[in-house]
Structure formats: structure tokens, C-alpha cells
Amino acid sequence: MNMLILMLTLQLVTVSRQCDNAQNTVELEDCLRRELDSLNLEIRERVSEIEERFPSRKRVLFDRAQRTWSLYRDLQCESEAAQFEGGSIAGVSTLRCHMRIADARLTELNEVY
């Protein structure tokens, strides 16, 4: 399990380094969006694996928790980006927030389930 956490941490660091070469905010947003899409795919795959193991009652609770987490993520990132409303960095702020929270969720899913 510790090796998995280390790998996930290194992956997020790698994402940041890959996007460091962006020349402007459009390139940075494109890079972050691709990396976030990949991270979200990992979460969806992990969620599916977890759901397959749960009987229906437990699955309902887990699904409710996952939907609540998604709502929290969206509102938290919207709140963080509001600091930069009207500026070109708002989109970058939102994407980085989503990545940070998604990475934490993936770690949580792997540790708890």
C-alpha cells in the first residue's frame, strides 16, 4: 500500500513537471486538463472496482458518498477560483484544485477500500 501511495504522489509531481513547459495559460490549461482527465479516469475505474465488491445496500451508501465528494470538489474549486475571477489564471486555479482534490480522493479510495 505504501508503494502505491508513493507511486500516486510521484505521478502528481510528474504531472506538474510535464505542464511546467507550457508557454502560456492556454497551453497550461490544455496540459492540466489532459492530466486531470487521466486522473478522473483512474478514479472512475477504482470506483467501479469498489462498487463491484459491495452488495446493493453498501453500494448505495458508497455511491452517495461519491456524489457528495463530487459536489464538494466542484464547490471548493469554484470557491478557490473565485479569487481570480476575471483573470486568465482562474481556469488554471480551477484545474489545479480539481487535480489536488482528485489525487487526494484516489489515495483515500485506495487506503480505505
PDB file of N, CA and C in Angstrom:
ATOM      1  N   MET A   1       0.824  -1.189   0.000  1.00  0.00           N
ATOM      2  CA  MET A   1       0.000   0.000   0.000  1.00  0.00           C
ATOM      3  C   MET A   1       0.872   1.259   0.000  1.00  0.00           C
ATOM      4  N   ASN A   2       1.955   1.275   0.791  1.00  0.00           N
ATOM      5  CA  ASN A   2       2.837   2.436   0.811  1.00  0.00           C
ATOM      6  C   ASN A   2       3.456   2.695  -0.551  1.00  0.00           C
ATOM      7  N   MET A   3       3.781   1.616  -1.277  1.00  0.00           N
ATOM      8  CA  MET A   3       4.347   1.763  -2.612  1.00  0.00           C
ATOM      9  C   MET A   3       3.325   2.407  -3.543  1.00  0.00           C
ATOM     10  N   LEU A   4       2.065   2.033  -3.408  1.00  0.00           N
ATOM     11  CA  LEU A   4       1.015   2.609  -4.231  1.00  0.00           C
ATOM     12  C   LEU A   4       0.879   4.104  -3.959  1.00  0.00           C
ATOM     13  N   ILE A   5       0.912   4.486  -2.709  1.00  0.00           N
ATOM     14  CA  ILE A   5       0.817   5.900  -2.345  1.00  0.00           C
ATOM     15  C   ILE A   5       2.006   6.666  -2.910  1.00  0.00           C
ATOM     16  N   LEU A   6       3.194   6.085  -2.816  1.00  0.00           N
ATOM     17  CA  LEU A   6       4.382   6.722  -3.363  1.00  0.00           C
ATOM     18  C   LEU A   6       4.240   6.907  -4.873  1.00  0.00           C
ATOM     19  N   MET A   7       3.742   5.887  -5.548  1.00  0.00           N
ATOM     20  CA  MET A   7       3.571   5.973  -6.996  1.00  0.00           C
ATOM     21  C   MET A   7       2.574   7.067  -7.367  1.00  0.00           C
ATOM     22  N   LEU A   8       1.492   7.178  -6.606  1.00  0.00           N
ATOM     23  CA  LEU A   8       0.491   8.203  -6.891  1.00  0.00           C
ATOM     24  C   LEU A   8       1.054   9.603  -6.653  1.00  0.00           C
ATOM     25  N   THR A   9       1.841   9.747  -5.601  1.00  0.00           N
ATOM     26  CA  THR A   9       2.469  11.031  -5.303  1.00  0.00           C
ATOM     27  C   THR A   9       3.434  11.415  -6.408  1.00  0.00           C
ATOM     28  N   LEU A  10       4.248  10.469  -6.834  1.00  0.00           N
ATOM     29  CA  LEU A  10       5.189  10.732  -7.914  1.00  0.00           C
ATOM     30  C   LEU A  10       4.465  11.081  -9.199  1.00  0.00           C
ATOM     31  N   GLN A  11       3.321  10.454  -9.423  1.00  0.00           N
ATOM     32  CA  GLN A  11       2.549  10.736 -10.621  1.00  0.00           C
ATOM     33  C   GLN A  11       2.086  12.187 -10.623  1.00  0.00           C
ATOM     34  N   LEU A  12       1.610  12.687  -9.493  1.00  0.00           N
ATOM     35  CA  LEU A  12       1.150  14.066  -9.428  1.00  0.00           C
ATOM     36  C   LEU A  12       2.311  15.028  -9.619  1.00  0.00           C
ATOM     37  N   VAL A  13       3.469  14.713  -9.050  1.00  0.00           N
ATOM     38  CA  VAL A  13       4.658  15.540  -9.246  1.00  0.00           C
ATOM     39  C   VAL A  13       5.033  15.550 -10.721  1.00  0.00           C
ATOM     40  N   THR A  14       4.965  14.394 -11.376  1.00  0.00           N
ATOM     41  CA  THR A  14       5.271  14.287 -12.796  1.00  0.00           C
ATOM     42  C   THR A  14       4.316  15.141 -13.612  1.00  0.00           C
ATOM     43  N   VAL A  15       3.045  15.140 -13.234  1.00  0.00           N
ATOM     44  CA  VAL A  15       2.065  15.967 -13.935  1.00  0.00           C
ATOM     45  C   VAL A  15       2.501  17.422 -13.885  1.00  0.00           C
ATOM     46  N   SER A  16       2.884  17.891 -12.718  1.00  0.00           N
ATOM     47  CA  SER A  16       3.293  19.277 -12.573  1.00  0.00           C
ATOM     48  C   SER A  16       4.505  19.573 -13.444  1.00  0.00           C
ATOM     49  N   ARG A  17       5.463  18.665 -13.467  1.00  0.00           N
ATOM     50  CA  ARG A  17       6.665  18.880 -14.273  1.00  0.00           C
ATOM     51  C   ARG A  17       6.344  18.883 -15.754  1.00  0.00           C
ATOM     52  N   GLN A  18       5.443  18.002 -16.184  1.00  0.00           N
ATOM     53  CA  GLN A  18       5.074  17.964 -17.599  1.00  0.00           C
ATOM     54  C   GLN A  18       4.449  19.283 -18.026  1.00  0.00           C
ATOM     55  N   CYS A  19       3.670  19.864 -17.166  1.00  0.00           N
ATOM     56  CA  CYS A  19       2.973  21.099 -17.503  1.00  0.00           C
ATOM     57  C   CYS A  19       3.843  22.336 -17.279  1.00  0.00           C
ATOM     58  N   ASP A  20       4.980  22.181 -16.649  1.00  0.00           N
ATOM     59  CA  ASP A  20       5.873  23.319 -16.429  1.00  0.00           C
ATOM     60  C   ASP A  20       6.405  23.901 -17.728  1.00  0.00           C
ATOM     61  N   ASN A  21       6.408  23.115 -18.794  1.00  0.00           N
ATOM     62  CA  ASN A  21       6.933  23.587 -20.072  1.00  0.00           C
ATOM     63  C   ASN A  21       5.932  24.413 -20.870  1.00  0.00           C
ATOM     64  N   ALA A  22       4.731  24.569 -20.347  1.00  0.00           N
ATOM     65  CA  ALA A  22       3.724  25.357 -21.055  1.00  0.00           C
ATOM     66  C   ALA A  22       4.209  26.796 -21.197  1.00  0.00           C
ATOM     67  N   GLN A  23       3.960  27.368 -22.363  1.00  0.00           N
ATOM     68  CA  GLN A  23       4.434  28.720 -22.669  1.00  0.00           C
ATOM     69  C   GLN A  23       3.427  29.817 -22.321  1.00  0.00           C
ATOM     70  N   ASN A  24       2.164  29.428 -22.120  1.00  0.00           N
ATOM     71  CA  ASN A  24       1.137  30.411 -21.788  1.00  0.00           C
ATOM     72  C   ASN A  24      -0.006  29.698 -21.068  1.00  0.00           C
ATOM     73  N   THR A  25      -0.997  30.451 -20.625  1.00  0.00           N
ATOM     74  CA  THR A  25      -2.080  29.846 -19.844  1.00  0.00           C
ATOM     75  C   THR A  25      -2.923  28.886 -20.672  1.00  0.00           C
ATOM     76  N   VAL A  26      -3.068  29.135 -21.960  1.00  0.00           N
ATOM     77  CA  VAL A  26      -3.840  28.217 -22.804  1.00  0.00           C
ATOM     78  C   VAL A  26      -3.152  26.855 -22.849  1.00  0.00           C
ATOM     79  N   GLU A  27      -1.850  26.843 -23.073  1.00  0.00           N
ATOM     80  CA  GLU A  27      -1.097  25.585 -23.089  1.00  0.00           C
ATOM     81  C   GLU A  27      -1.126  24.910 -21.725  1.00  0.00           C
ATOM     82  N   LEU A  28      -1.001  25.709 -20.665  1.00  0.00           N
ATOM     83  CA  LEU A  28      -1.026  25.157 -19.319  1.00  0.00           C
ATOM     84  C   LEU A  28      -2.380  24.525 -19.020  1.00  0.00           C
ATOM     85  N   GLU A  29      -3.456  25.215 -19.366  1.00  0.00           N
ATOM     86  CA  GLU A  29      -4.792  24.660 -19.157  1.00  0.00           C
ATOM     87  C   GLU A  29      -4.987  23.374 -19.947  1.00  0.00           C
ATOM     88  N   ASP A  30      -4.540  23.351 -21.193  1.00  0.00           N
ATOM     89  CA  ASP A  30      -4.664  22.135 -22.014  1.00  0.00           C
ATOM     90  C   ASP A  30      -3.921  20.974 -21.369  1.00  0.00           C
ATOM     91  N   CYS A  31      -2.719  21.221 -20.906  1.00  0.00           N
ATOM     92  CA  CYS A  31      -1.921  20.174 -20.269  1.00  0.00           C
ATOM     93  C   CYS A  31      -2.590  19.686 -18.985  1.00  0.00           C
ATOM     94  N   LEU A  32      -2.997  20.621 -18.147  1.00  0.00           N
ATOM     95  CA  LEU A  32      -3.644  20.253 -16.887  1.00  0.00           C
ATOM     96  C   LEU A  32      -4.944  19.495 -17.141  1.00  0.00           C
ATOM     97  N   ARG A  33      -5.690  19.917 -18.141  1.00  0.00           N
ATOM     98  CA  ARG A  33      -6.957  19.244 -18.461  1.00  0.00           C
ATOM     99  C   ARG A  33      -6.713  17.792 -18.882  1.00  0.00           C
ATOM    100  N   ARG A  34      -5.687  17.562 -19.699  1.00  0.00           N
ATOM    101  CA  ARG A  34      -5.367  16.189 -20.112  1.00  0.00           C
ATOM    102  C   ARG A  34      -4.972  15.339 -18.901  1.00  0.00           C
ATOM    103  N   GLU A  35      -4.180  15.911 -18.037  1.00  0.00           N
ATOM    104  CA  GLU A  35      -3.745  15.174 -16.847  1.00  0.00           C
ATOM    105  C   GLU A  35      -4.910  14.929 -15.895  1.00  0.00           C
ATOM    106  N   LEU A  36      -5.790  15.906 -15.761  1.00  0.00           N
ATOM    107  CA  LEU A  36      -6.971  15.734 -14.914  1.00  0.00           C
ATOM    108  C   LEU A  36      -7.891  14.662 -15.494  1.00  0.00           C
ATOM    109  N   ASP A  37      -8.057  14.650 -16.797  1.00  0.00           N
ATOM    110  CA  ASP A  37      -8.870  13.615 -17.436  1.00  0.00           C
ATOM    111  C   ASP A  37      -8.332  12.228 -17.118  1.00  0.00           C
ATOM    112  N   SER A  38      -7.024  12.089 -17.155  1.00  0.00           N
ATOM    113  CA  SER A  38      -6.386  10.811 -16.841  1.00  0.00           C
ATOM    114  C   SER A  38      -6.620  10.424 -15.378  1.00  0.00           C
ATOM    115  N   LEU A  39      -6.483  11.381 -14.491  1.00  0.00           N
ATOM    116  CA  LEU A  39      -6.705  11.134 -13.064  1.00  0.00           C
ATOM    117  C   LEU A  39      -8.162  10.782 -12.792  1.00  0.00           C
ATOM    118  N   ASN A  40      -9.083  11.481 -13.449  1.00  0.00           N
ATOM    119  CA  ASN A  40     -10.509  11.173 -13.278  1.00  0.00           C
ATOM    120  C   ASN A  40     -10.847   9.782 -13.795  1.00  0.00           C
ATOM    121  N   LEU A  41     -10.197   9.365 -14.857  1.00  0.00           N
ATOM    122  CA  LEU A  41     -10.397   8.016 -15.372  1.00  0.00           C
ATOM    123  C   LEU A  41      -9.943   6.986 -14.335  1.00  0.00           C
ATOM    124  N   GLU A  42      -8.817   7.237 -13.699  1.00  0.00           N
ATOM    125  CA  GLU A  42      -8.338   6.332 -12.644  1.00  0.00           C
ATOM    126  C   GLU A  42      -9.347   6.247 -11.501  1.00  0.00           C
ATOM    127  N   ILE A  43      -9.915   7.382 -11.131  1.00  0.00           N
ATOM    128  CA  ILE A  43     -10.920   7.390 -10.063  1.00  0.00           C
ATOM    129  C   ILE A  43     -12.143   6.589 -10.486  1.00  0.00           C
ATOM    130  N   ARG A  44     -12.640   6.808 -11.695  1.00  0.00           N
ATOM    131  CA  ARG A  44     -13.821   6.069 -12.163  1.00  0.00           C
ATOM    132  C   ARG A  44     -13.558   4.562 -12.176  1.00  0.00           C
ATOM    133  N   GLU A  45     -12.372   4.183 -12.617  1.00  0.00           N
ATOM    134  CA  GLU A  45     -12.033   2.756 -12.635  1.00  0.00           C
ATOM    135  C   GLU A  45     -11.971   2.192 -11.219  1.00  0.00           C
ATOM    136  N   ARG A  46     -11.388   2.934 -10.299  1.00  0.00           N
ATOM    137  CA  ARG A  46     -11.294   2.477  -8.906  1.00  0.00           C
ATOM    138  C   ARG A  46     -12.673   2.398  -8.271  1.00  0.00           C
ATOM    139  N   VAL A  47     -13.509   3.381  -8.535  1.00  0.00           N
ATOM    140  CA  VAL A  47     -14.878   3.383  -8.008  1.00  0.00           C
ATOM    141  C   VAL A  47     -15.632   2.157  -8.523  1.00  0.00           C
ATOM    142  N   SER A  48     -15.484   1.851  -9.791  1.00  0.00           N
ATOM    143  CA  SER A  48     -16.148   0.670 -10.362  1.00  0.00           C
ATOM    144  C   SER A  48     -15.678  -0.612  -9.695  1.00  0.00           C
ATOM    145  N   GLU A  49     -14.385  -0.716  -9.450  1.00  0.00           N
ATOM    146  CA  GLU A  49     -13.835  -1.895  -8.763  1.00  0.00           C
ATOM    147  C   GLU A  49     -14.436  -2.032  -7.373  1.00  0.00           C
ATOM    148  N   ILE A  50     -14.539  -0.920  -6.681  1.00  0.00           N
ATOM    149  CA  ILE A  50     -15.078  -0.932  -5.314  1.00  0.00           C
ATOM    150  C   ILE A  50     -16.555  -1.319  -5.345  1.00  0.00           C
ATOM    151  N   GLU A  51     -17.312  -0.720  -6.257  1.00  0.00           N
ATOM    152  CA  GLU A  51     -18.748  -0.986  -6.333  1.00  0.00           C
ATOM    153  C   GLU A  51     -19.041  -2.457  -6.643  1.00  0.00           C
ATOM    154  N   GLU A  52     -18.212  -3.069  -7.445  1.00  0.00           N
ATOM    155  CA  GLU A  52     -18.417  -4.476  -7.795  1.00  0.00           C
ATOM    156  C   GLU A  52     -18.365  -5.385  -6.561  1.00  0.00           C
ATOM    157  N   ARG A  53     -17.611  -4.989  -5.563  1.00  0.00           N
ATOM    158  CA  ARG A  53     -17.458  -5.812  -4.358  1.00  0.00           C
ATOM    159  C   ARG A  53     -18.575  -5.608  -3.345  1.00  0.00           C
ATOM    160  N   PHE A  54     -19.333  -4.531  -3.485  1.00  0.00           N
ATOM    161  CA  PHE A  54     -20.338  -4.193  -2.490  1.00  0.00           C
ATOM    162  C   PHE A  54     -21.701  -4.777  -2.833  1.00  0.00           C
ATOM    163  N   PRO A  55     -22.402  -5.315  -1.821  1.00  0.00           N
ATOM    164  CA  PRO A  55     -23.814  -5.652  -2.033  1.00  0.00           C
ATOM    165  C   PRO A  55     -24.597  -4.342  -2.197  1.00  0.00           C
ATOM    166  N   SER A  56     -25.811  -4.434  -2.659  1.00  0.00           N
ATOM    167  CA  SER A  56     -26.563  -3.238  -3.056  1.00  0.00           C
ATOM    168  C   SER A  56     -26.689  -2.183  -1.955  1.00  0.00           C
ATOM    169  N   ARG A  57     -26.961  -2.569  -0.708  1.00  0.00           N
ATOM    170  CA  ARG A  57     -27.121  -1.594   0.373  1.00  0.00           C
ATOM    171  C   ARG A  57     -25.840  -0.806   0.595  1.00  0.00           C
ATOM    172  N   LYS A  58     -24.708  -1.488   0.630  1.00  0.00           N
ATOM    173  CA  LYS A  58     -23.430  -0.802   0.823  1.00  0.00           C
ATOM    174  C   LYS A  58     -23.064   0.044  -0.395  1.00  0.00           C
ATOM    175  N   ARG A  59     -23.446  -0.435  -1.558  1.00  0.00           N
ATOM    176  CA  ARG A  59     -23.166   0.307  -2.795  1.00  0.00           C
ATOM    177  C   ARG A  59     -23.917   1.632  -2.794  1.00  0.00           C
ATOM    178  N   VAL A  60     -25.152   1.626  -2.304  1.00  0.00           N
ATOM    179  CA  VAL A  60     -25.942   2.857  -2.236  1.00  0.00           C
ATOM    180  C   VAL A  60     -25.234   3.884  -1.350  1.00  0.00           C
ATOM    181  N   LEU A  61     -24.739   3.451  -0.212  1.00  0.00           N
ATOM    182  CA  LEU A  61     -24.014   4.363   0.682  1.00  0.00           C
ATOM    183  C   LEU A  61     -22.747   4.893   0.030  1.00  0.00           C
ATOM    184  N   PHE A  62     -22.009   3.999  -0.607  1.00  0.00           N
ATOM    185  CA  PHE A  62     -20.778   4.408  -1.270  1.00  0.00           C
ATOM    186  C   PHE A  62     -21.076   5.387  -2.401  1.00  0.00           C
ATOM    187  N   ASP A  63     -22.095   5.097  -3.206  1.00  0.00           N
ATOM    188  CA  ASP A  63     -22.459   5.991  -4.308  1.00  0.00           C
ATOM    189  C   ASP A  63     -22.861   7.370  -3.791  1.00  0.00           C
ATOM    190  N   ARG A  64     -23.578   7.389  -2.688  1.00  0.00           N
ATOM    191  CA  ARG A  64     -23.979   8.669  -2.090  1.00  0.00           C
ATOM    192  C   ARG A  64     -22.752   9.451  -1.621  1.00  0.00           C
ATOM    193  N   ALA A  65     -21.803   8.747  -1.034  1.00  0.00           N
ATOM    194  CA  ALA A  65     -20.564   9.395  -0.601  1.00  0.00           C
ATOM    195  C   ALA A  65     -19.791   9.933  -1.796  1.00  0.00           C
ATOM    196  N   GLN A  66     -19.745   9.173  -2.867  1.00  0.00           N
ATOM    197  CA  GLN A  66     -19.015   9.605  -4.063  1.00  0.00           C
ATOM    198  C   GLN A  66     -19.667  10.832  -4.697  1.00  0.00           C
ATOM    199  N   ARG A  67     -20.993  10.853  -4.751  1.00  0.00           N
ATOM    200  CA  ARG A  67     -21.698  12.021  -5.299  1.00  0.00           C
ATOM    201  C   ARG A  67     -21.469  13.250  -4.424  1.00  0.00           C
ATOM    202  N   THR A  68     -21.467  13.051  -3.105  1.00  0.00           N
ATOM    203  CA  THR A  68     -21.230  14.164  -2.183  1.00  0.00           C
ATOM    204  C   THR A  68     -19.806  14.685  -2.337  1.00  0.00           C
ATOM    205  N   TRP A  69     -18.854  13.769  -2.498  1.00  0.00           N
ATOM    206  CA  TRP A  69     -17.470  14.178  -2.734  1.00  0.00           C
ATOM    207  C   TRP A  69     -17.375  15.014  -4.020  1.00  0.00           C
ATOM    208  N   SER A  70     -18.065  14.587  -5.067  1.00  0.00           N
ATOM    209  CA  SER A  70     -18.034  15.321  -6.337  1.00  0.00           C
ATOM    210  C   SER A  70     -18.587  16.736  -6.169  1.00  0.00           C
ATOM    211  N   LEU A  71     -19.660  16.858  -5.420  1.00  0.00           N
ATOM    212  CA  LEU A  71     -20.237  18.176  -5.158  1.00  0.00           C
ATOM    213  C   LEU A  71     -19.254  19.039  -4.363  1.00  0.00           C
ATOM    214  N   TYR A  72     -18.655  18.463  -3.316  1.00  0.00           N
ATOM    215  CA  TYR A  72     -17.656  19.190  -2.531  1.00  0.00           C
ATOM    216  C   TYR A  72     -16.525  19.673  -3.433  1.00  0.00           C
ATOM    217  N   ARG A  73     -15.987  18.781  -4.269  1.00  0.00           N
ATOM    218  CA  ARG A  73     -14.876  19.118  -5.163  1.00  0.00           C
ATOM    219  C   ARG A  73     -15.239  20.311  -6.039  1.00  0.00           C
ATOM    220  N   ASP A  74     -16.404  20.237  -6.654  1.00  0.00           N
ATOM    221  CA  ASP A  74     -16.810  21.301  -7.567  1.00  0.00           C
ATOM    222  C   ASP A  74     -16.973  22.637  -6.851  1.00  0.00           C
ATOM    223  N   LEU A  75     -17.619  22.619  -5.697  1.00  0.00           N
ATOM    224  CA  LEU A  75     -17.831  23.870  -4.949  1.00  0.00           C
ATOM    225  C   LEU A  75     -16.529  24.426  -4.386  1.00  0.00           C
ATOM    226  N   GLN A  76     -15.676  23.558  -3.879  1.00  0.00           N
ATOM    227  CA  GLN A  76     -14.390  24.003  -3.337  1.00  0.00           C
ATOM    228  C   GLN A  76     -13.553  24.664  -4.426  1.00  0.00           C
ATOM    229  N   CYS A  77     -13.488  24.038  -5.576  1.00  0.00           N
ATOM    230  CA  CYS A  77     -12.667  24.573  -6.662  1.00  0.00           C
ATOM    231  C   CYS A  77     -13.266  25.858  -7.239  1.00  0.00           C
ATOM    232  N   GLU A  78     -14.579  25.930  -7.276  1.00  0.00           N
ATOM    233  CA  GLU A  78     -15.224  27.162  -7.717  1.00  0.00           C
ATOM    234  C   GLU A  78     -14.908  28.297  -6.750  1.00  0.00           C
ATOM    235  N   SER A  79     -14.938  27.988  -5.461  1.00  0.00           N
ATOM    236  CA  SER A  79     -14.627  28.982  -4.441  1.00  0.00           C
ATOM    237  C   SER A  79     -13.176  29.452  -4.550  1.00  0.00           C
ATOM    238  N   GLU A  80     -12.262  28.515  -4.743  1.00  0.00           N
ATOM    239  CA  GLU A  80     -10.846  28.887  -4.872  1.00  0.00           C
ATOM    240  C   GLU A  80     -10.615  29.751  -6.104  1.00  0.00           C
ATOM    241  N   ALA A  81     -11.238  29.387  -7.211  1.00  0.00           N
ATOM    242  CA  ALA A  81     -11.033  30.125  -8.463  1.00  0.00           C
ATOM    243  C   ALA A  81     -11.670  31.512  -8.414  1.00  0.00           C
ATOM    244  N   ALA A  82     -12.661  31.690  -7.553  1.00  0.00           N
ATOM    245  CA  ALA A  82     -13.340  32.983  -7.457  1.00  0.00           C
ATOM    246  C   ALA A  82     -12.371  34.100  -7.076  1.00  0.00           C
ATOM    247  N   GLN A  83     -11.283  33.738  -6.416  1.00  0.00           N
ATOM    248  CA  GLN A  83     -10.270  34.737  -6.055  1.00  0.00           C
ATOM    249  C   GLN A  83      -9.673  35.392  -7.293  1.00  0.00           C
ATOM    250  N   PHE A  84      -9.690  34.659  -8.404  1.00  0.00           N
ATOM    251  CA  PHE A  84      -9.049  35.119  -9.632  1.00  0.00           C
ATOM    252  C   PHE A  84     -10.065  35.447 -10.728  1.00  0.00           C
ATOM    253  N   GLU A  85     -11.321  35.619 -10.318  1.00  0.00           N
ATOM    254  CA  GLU A  85     -12.397  35.862 -11.275  1.00  0.00           C
ATOM    255  C   GLU A  85     -12.033  37.021 -12.203  1.00  0.00           C
ATOM    256  N   GLY A  86     -12.210  36.764 -13.486  1.00  0.00           N
ATOM    257  CA  GLY A  86     -11.906  37.776 -14.481  1.00  0.00           C
ATOM    258  C   GLY A  86     -10.476  37.727 -14.987  1.00  0.00           C
ATOM    259  N   GLY A  87      -9.620  36.986 -14.287  1.00  0.00           N
ATOM    260  CA  GLY A  87      -8.224  36.879 -14.699  1.00  0.00           C
ATOM    261  C   GLY A  87      -7.963  35.592 -15.461  1.00  0.00           C
ATOM    262  N   SER A  88      -6.881  35.580 -16.186  1.00  0.00           N
ATOM    263  CA  SER A  88      -6.572  34.407 -17.010  1.00  0.00           C
ATOM    264  C   SER A  88      -6.140  33.204 -16.179  1.00  0.00           C
ATOM    265  N   ILE A  89      -5.793  33.421 -14.934  1.00  0.00           N
ATOM    266  CA  ILE A  89      -5.312  32.319 -14.095  1.00  0.00           C
ATOM    267  C   ILE A  89      -6.466  31.558 -13.426  1.00  0.00           C
ATOM    268  N   ALA A  90      -7.688  32.046 -13.521  1.00  0.00           N
ATOM    269  CA  ALA A  90      -8.835  31.399 -12.874  1.00  0.00           C
ATOM    270  C   ALA A  90      -9.009  29.960 -13.343  1.00  0.00           C
ATOM    271  N   GLY A  91      -8.887  29.730 -14.638  1.00  0.00           N
ATOM    272  CA  GLY A  91      -9.027  28.373 -15.172  1.00  0.00           C
ATOM    273  C   GLY A  91      -7.931  27.446 -14.668  1.00  0.00           C
ATOM    274  N   VAL A  92      -6.718  27.970 -14.609  1.00  0.00           N
ATOM    275  CA  VAL A  92      -5.584  27.178 -14.096  1.00  0.00           C
ATOM    276  C   VAL A  92      -5.829  26.838 -12.633  1.00  0.00           C
ATOM    277  N   SER A  93      -6.301  27.807 -11.872  1.00  0.00           N
ATOM    278  CA  SER A  93      -6.584  27.580 -10.457  1.00  0.00           C
ATOM    279  C   SER A  93      -7.620  26.476 -10.282  1.00  0.00           C
ATOM    280  N   THR A  94      -8.672  26.521 -11.088  1.00  0.00           N
ATOM    281  CA  THR A  94      -9.720  25.500 -11.015  1.00  0.00           C
ATOM    282  C   THR A  94      -9.163  24.120 -11.333  1.00  0.00           C
ATOM    283  N   LEU A  95      -8.385  24.017 -12.392  1.00  0.00           N
ATOM    284  CA  LEU A  95      -7.824  22.723 -12.786  1.00  0.00           C
ATOM    285  C   LEU A  95      -6.869  22.176 -11.740  1.00  0.00           C
ATOM    286  N   ARG A  96      -6.011  23.024 -11.201  1.00  0.00           N
ATOM    287  CA  ARG A  96      -5.073  22.561 -10.171  1.00  0.00           C
ATOM    288  C   ARG A  96      -5.824  22.115  -8.914  1.00  0.00           C
ATOM    289  N   CYS A  97      -6.873  22.825  -8.577  1.00  0.00           N
ATOM    290  CA  CYS A  97      -7.704  22.440  -7.439  1.00  0.00           C
ATOM    291  C   CYS A  97      -8.329  21.067  -7.681  1.00  0.00           C
ATOM    292  N   HIS A  98      -8.901  20.884  -8.853  1.00  0.00           N
ATOM    293  CA  HIS A  98      -9.509  19.590  -9.187  1.00  0.00           C
ATOM    294  C   HIS A  98      -8.470  18.474  -9.122  1.00  0.00           C
ATOM    295  N   MET A  99      -7.273  18.742  -9.597  1.00  0.00           N
ATOM    296  CA  MET A  99      -6.225  17.723  -9.564  1.00  0.00           C
ATOM    297  C   MET A  99      -5.828  17.386  -8.131  1.00  0.00           C
ATOM    298  N   ARG A 100      -5.669  18.417  -7.313  1.00  0.00           N
ATOM    299  CA  ARG A 100      -5.280  18.202  -5.923  1.00  0.00           C
ATOM    300  C   ARG A 100      -6.326  17.368  -5.175  1.00  0.00           C
ATOM    301  N   ILE A 101      -7.588  17.724  -5.356  1.00  0.00           N
ATOM    302  CA  ILE A 101      -8.658  17.025  -4.649  1.00  0.00           C
ATOM    303  C   ILE A 101      -8.854  15.623  -5.229  1.00  0.00           C
ATOM    304  N   ALA A 102      -8.730  15.473  -6.542  1.00  0.00           N
ATOM    305  CA  ALA A 102      -8.863  14.154  -7.162  1.00  0.00           C
ATOM    306  C   ALA A 102      -7.737  13.228  -6.711  1.00  0.00           C
ATOM    307  N   ASP A 103      -6.535  13.765  -6.629  1.00  0.00           N
ATOM    308  CA  ASP A 103      -5.406  12.953  -6.171  1.00  0.00           C
ATOM    309  C   ASP A 103      -5.635  12.475  -4.730  1.00  0.00           C
ATOM    310  N   ALA A 104      -6.137  13.373  -3.890  1.00  0.00           N
ATOM    311  CA  ALA A 104      -6.430  13.000  -2.504  1.00  0.00           C
ATOM    312  C   ALA A 104      -7.541  11.945  -2.450  1.00  0.00           C
ATOM    313  N   ARG A 105      -8.529  12.068  -3.317  1.00  0.00           N
ATOM    314  CA  ARG A 105      -9.634  11.095  -3.334  1.00  0.00           C
ATOM    315  C   ARG A 105      -9.142   9.725  -3.783  1.00  0.00           C
ATOM    316  N   LEU A 106      -8.299   9.692  -4.793  1.00  0.00           N
ATOM    317  CA  LEU A 106      -7.764   8.423  -5.261  1.00  0.00           C
ATOM    318  C   LEU A 106      -6.952   7.746  -4.161  1.00  0.00           C
ATOM    319  N   THR A 107      -6.154   8.514  -3.461  1.00  0.00           N
ATOM    320  CA  THR A 107      -5.394   7.966  -2.334  1.00  0.00           C
ATOM    321  C   THR A 107      -6.343   7.430  -1.267  1.00  0.00           C
ATOM    322  N   GLU A 108      -7.378   8.199  -0.962  1.00  0.00           N
ATOM    323  CA  GLU A 108      -8.363   7.771   0.025  1.00  0.00           C
ATOM    324  C   GLU A 108      -9.060   6.482  -0.397  1.00  0.00           C
ATOM    325  N   LEU A 109      -9.471   6.406  -1.631  1.00  0.00           N
ATOM    326  CA  LEU A 109     -10.139   5.193  -2.130  1.00  0.00           C
ATOM    327  C   LEU A 109      -9.219   3.978  -1.995  1.00  0.00           C
ATOM    328  N   ASN A 110      -7.959   4.170  -2.305  1.00  0.00           N
ATOM    329  CA  ASN A 110      -7.008   3.058  -2.231  1.00  0.00           C
ATOM    330  C   ASN A 110      -6.697   2.650  -0.785  1.00  0.00           C
ATOM    331  N   GLU A 111      -6.667   3.612   0.109  1.00  0.00           N
ATOM    332  CA  GLU A 111      -6.363   3.310   1.507  1.00  0.00           C
ATOM    333  C   GLU A 111      -7.553   2.724   2.260  1.00  0.00           C
ATOM    334  N   VAL A 112      -8.735   3.240   1.998  1.00  0.00           N
ATOM    335  CA  VAL A 112      -9.919   2.862   2.769  1.00  0.00           C
ATOM    336  C   VAL A 112     -10.586   1.602   2.221  1.00  0.00           C
ATOM    337  N   TYR A 113     -10.606   1.463   0.901  1.00  0.00           N
ATOM    338  CA  TYR A 113     -11.331   0.350   0.304  1.00  0.00           C
ATOM    339  C   TYR A 113     -10.387  -0.647  -0.318  1.00  0.00           C
TER     340      TYR A 113
END
